[in-house]
Amino acid sequence: MQFKKKLFSEARKTLELAVEDKAAQHIEIYDHLGDVCIALGDREAAIRAWEKGLEHATDSRRDQTTRTNVSRKLEQAKSKSASK
């Protein structure tokens, strides 16, 4: 909700708190955190979030779809970092 309202700083704080809970570590939460970091201009933090998210992907169809999307975002972010 905070992301949709473009309250990126607040969203980042909420998501960072969420991933501190080991039971809440899920690829979708890390994906959202990466998106927020990109929106805030913090590409390196986004890359770290997406990489961590990939570590938490399960074999479920939903997670595998998210894995594909996160992998694309990660590849784009890394290529932009390399071109600087």
C-alpha atoms as a PDB file:
ATOM      1  CA  MET A   1       0.000   0.000   0.000  1.00  0.00           C
ATOM      2  CA  GLN A   2       2.802   2.420   0.877  1.00  0.00           C
ATOM      3  CA  PHE A   3       4.516   1.613  -2.424  1.00  0.00           C
ATOM      4  CA  LYS A   4       1.364   2.353  -4.438  1.00  0.00           C
ATOM      5  CA  LYS A   5       1.060   5.671  -2.612  1.00  0.00           C
ATOM      6  CA  LYS A   6       4.721   6.364  -3.470  1.00  0.00           C
ATOM      7  CA  LEU A   7       5.654   6.438   0.198  1.00  0.00           C
ATOM      8  CA  PHE A   8       8.916   4.699  -0.647  1.00  0.00           C
ATOM      9  CA  SER A   9      10.900   5.533   2.494  1.00  0.00           C
ATOM     10  CA  GLU A  10       8.099   4.275   4.719  1.00  0.00           C
ATOM     11  CA  ALA A  11       7.680   1.168   2.578  1.00  0.00           C
ATOM     12  CA  ARG A  12      11.400   0.438   2.823  1.00  0.00           C
ATOM     13  CA  LYS A  13      11.330   0.654   6.621  1.00  0.00           C
ATOM     14  CA  THR A  14       8.309  -1.664   6.780  1.00  0.00           C
ATOM     15  CA  LEU A  15       9.850  -4.225   4.435  1.00  0.00           C
ATOM     16  CA  GLU A  16      13.245  -4.138   6.170  1.00  0.00           C
ATOM     17  CA  LEU A  17      11.500  -4.846   9.468  1.00  0.00           C
ATOM     18  CA  ALA A  18       9.570  -7.690   7.845  1.00  0.00           C
ATOM     19  CA  VAL A  19      12.683  -9.481   6.588  1.00  0.00           C
ATOM     20  CA  GLU A  20      14.281  -9.318  10.027  1.00  0.00           C
ATOM     21  CA  ASP A  21      11.729 -11.971  11.036  1.00  0.00           C
ATOM     22  CA  LYS A  22      13.177 -15.290   9.830  1.00  0.00           C
ATOM     23  CA  ALA A  23       9.660 -16.701   9.374  1.00  0.00           C
ATOM     24  CA  ALA A  24       8.723 -13.816   7.069  1.00  0.00           C
ATOM     25  CA  GLN A  25      11.683 -14.133   4.712  1.00  0.00           C
ATOM     26  CA  HIS A  26      10.067 -14.801   1.363  1.00  0.00           C
ATOM     27  CA  ILE A  27      11.015 -14.016  -2.212  1.00  0.00           C
ATOM     28  CA  GLU A  28       8.006 -11.713  -2.676  1.00  0.00           C
ATOM     29  CA  ILE A  29       8.941  -9.544   0.304  1.00  0.00           C
ATOM     30  CA  TYR A  30      12.508  -9.228  -0.963  1.00  0.00           C
ATOM     31  CA  ASP A  31      11.155  -8.487  -4.440  1.00  0.00           C
ATOM     32  CA  HIS A  32       9.075  -5.615  -3.065  1.00  0.00           C
ATOM     33  CA  LEU A  33      12.048  -4.376  -1.059  1.00  0.00           C
ATOM     34  CA  GLY A  34      14.153  -4.375  -4.222  1.00  0.00           C
ATOM     35  CA  ASP A  35      11.474  -2.427  -6.072  1.00  0.00           C
ATOM     36  CA  VAL A  36      11.342   0.170  -3.290  1.00  0.00           C
ATOM     37  CA  CYS A  37      15.128   0.506  -3.242  1.00  0.00           C
ATOM     38  CA  ILE A  38      15.174   1.072  -7.005  1.00  0.00           C
ATOM     39  CA  ALA A  39      12.440   3.702  -6.636  1.00  0.00           C
ATOM     40  CA  LEU A  40      14.620   5.426  -4.039  1.00  0.00           C
ATOM     41  CA  GLY A  41      17.657   5.283  -6.337  1.00  0.00           C
ATOM     42  CA  ASP A  42      19.543   2.713  -4.227  1.00  0.00           C
ATOM     43  CA  ARG A  43      20.492   0.188  -6.907  1.00  0.00           C
ATOM     44  CA  GLU A  44      23.043  -1.674  -4.746  1.00  0.00           C
ATOM     45  CA  ALA A  45      20.477  -2.277  -1.983  1.00  0.00           C
ATOM     46  CA  ALA A  46      17.981  -3.457  -4.602  1.00  0.00           C
ATOM     47  CA  ILE A  47      20.510  -5.923  -5.978  1.00  0.00           C
ATOM     48  CA  ARG A  48      21.191  -7.262  -2.474  1.00  0.00           C
ATOM     49  CA  ALA A  49      17.459  -7.607  -1.766  1.00  0.00           C
ATOM     50  CA  TRP A  50      16.748  -9.452  -5.011  1.00  0.00           C
ATOM     51  CA  GLU A  51      19.745 -11.768  -4.541  1.00  0.00           C
ATOM     52  CA  LYS A  52      18.580 -12.581  -1.011  1.00  0.00           C
ATOM     53  CA  GLY A  53      15.055 -13.159  -2.281  1.00  0.00           C
ATOM     54  CA  LEU A  54      16.272 -15.731  -4.791  1.00  0.00           C
ATOM     55  CA  GLU A  55      17.762 -17.675  -1.867  1.00  0.00           C
ATOM     56  CA  HIS A  56      14.275 -17.969  -0.351  1.00  0.00           C
ATOM     57  CA  ALA A  57      12.351 -19.115  -3.434  1.00  0.00           C
ATOM     58  CA  THR A  58      10.531 -22.408  -3.029  1.00  0.00           C
ATOM     59  CA  ASP A  59       9.504 -24.848  -5.733  1.00  0.00           C
ATOM     60  CA  SER A  60       5.946 -23.508  -5.804  1.00  0.00           C
ATOM     61  CA  ARG A  61       4.671 -22.238  -9.149  1.00  0.00           C
ATOM     62  CA  ARG A  62       4.114 -18.768  -7.683  1.00  0.00           C
ATOM     63  CA  ASP A  63       7.662 -18.563  -6.342  1.00  0.00           C
ATOM     64  CA  GLN A  64       9.090 -19.798  -9.616  1.00  0.00           C
ATOM     65  CA  THR A  65       7.202 -17.097 -11.504  1.00  0.00           C
ATOM     66  CA  THR A  66       8.481 -14.508  -9.043  1.00  0.00           C
ATOM     67  CA  ARG A  67      11.999 -15.991  -9.385  1.00  0.00           C
ATOM     68  CA  THR A  68      11.874 -15.398 -13.143  1.00  0.00           C
ATOM     69  CA  ASN A  69      10.753 -11.788 -12.682  1.00  0.00           C
ATOM     70  CA  VAL A  70      13.335 -11.106  -9.961  1.00  0.00           C
ATOM     71  CA  SER A  71      16.093 -12.630 -12.079  1.00  0.00           C
ATOM     72  CA  ARG A  72      15.209 -10.236 -14.916  1.00  0.00           C
ATOM     73  CA  LYS A  73      15.217  -7.222 -12.602  1.00  0.00           C
ATOM     74  CA  LEU A  74      18.501  -8.328 -11.082  1.00  0.00           C
ATOM     75  CA  GLU A  75      20.133  -8.756 -14.477  1.00  0.00           C
ATOM     76  CA  GLN A  76      18.999  -5.271 -15.548  1.00  0.00           C
ATOM     77  CA  ALA A  77      20.176  -3.659 -12.312  1.00  0.00           C
ATOM     78  CA  LYS A  78      23.564  -5.346 -12.516  1.00  0.00           C
ATOM     79  CA  SER A  79      24.051  -4.363 -16.152  1.00  0.00           C
ATOM     80  CA  LYS A  80      23.270  -0.732 -15.304  1.00  0.00           C
ATOM     81  CA  SER A  81      25.720  -0.856 -12.389  1.00  0.00           C
ATOM     82  CA  ALA A  82      28.424  -2.304 -14.646  1.00  0.00           C
ATOM     83  CA  SER A  83      27.930   0.397 -17.274  1.00  0.00           C
ATOM     84  CA  LYS A  84      28.684   3.218 -14.813  1.00  0.00           C
END
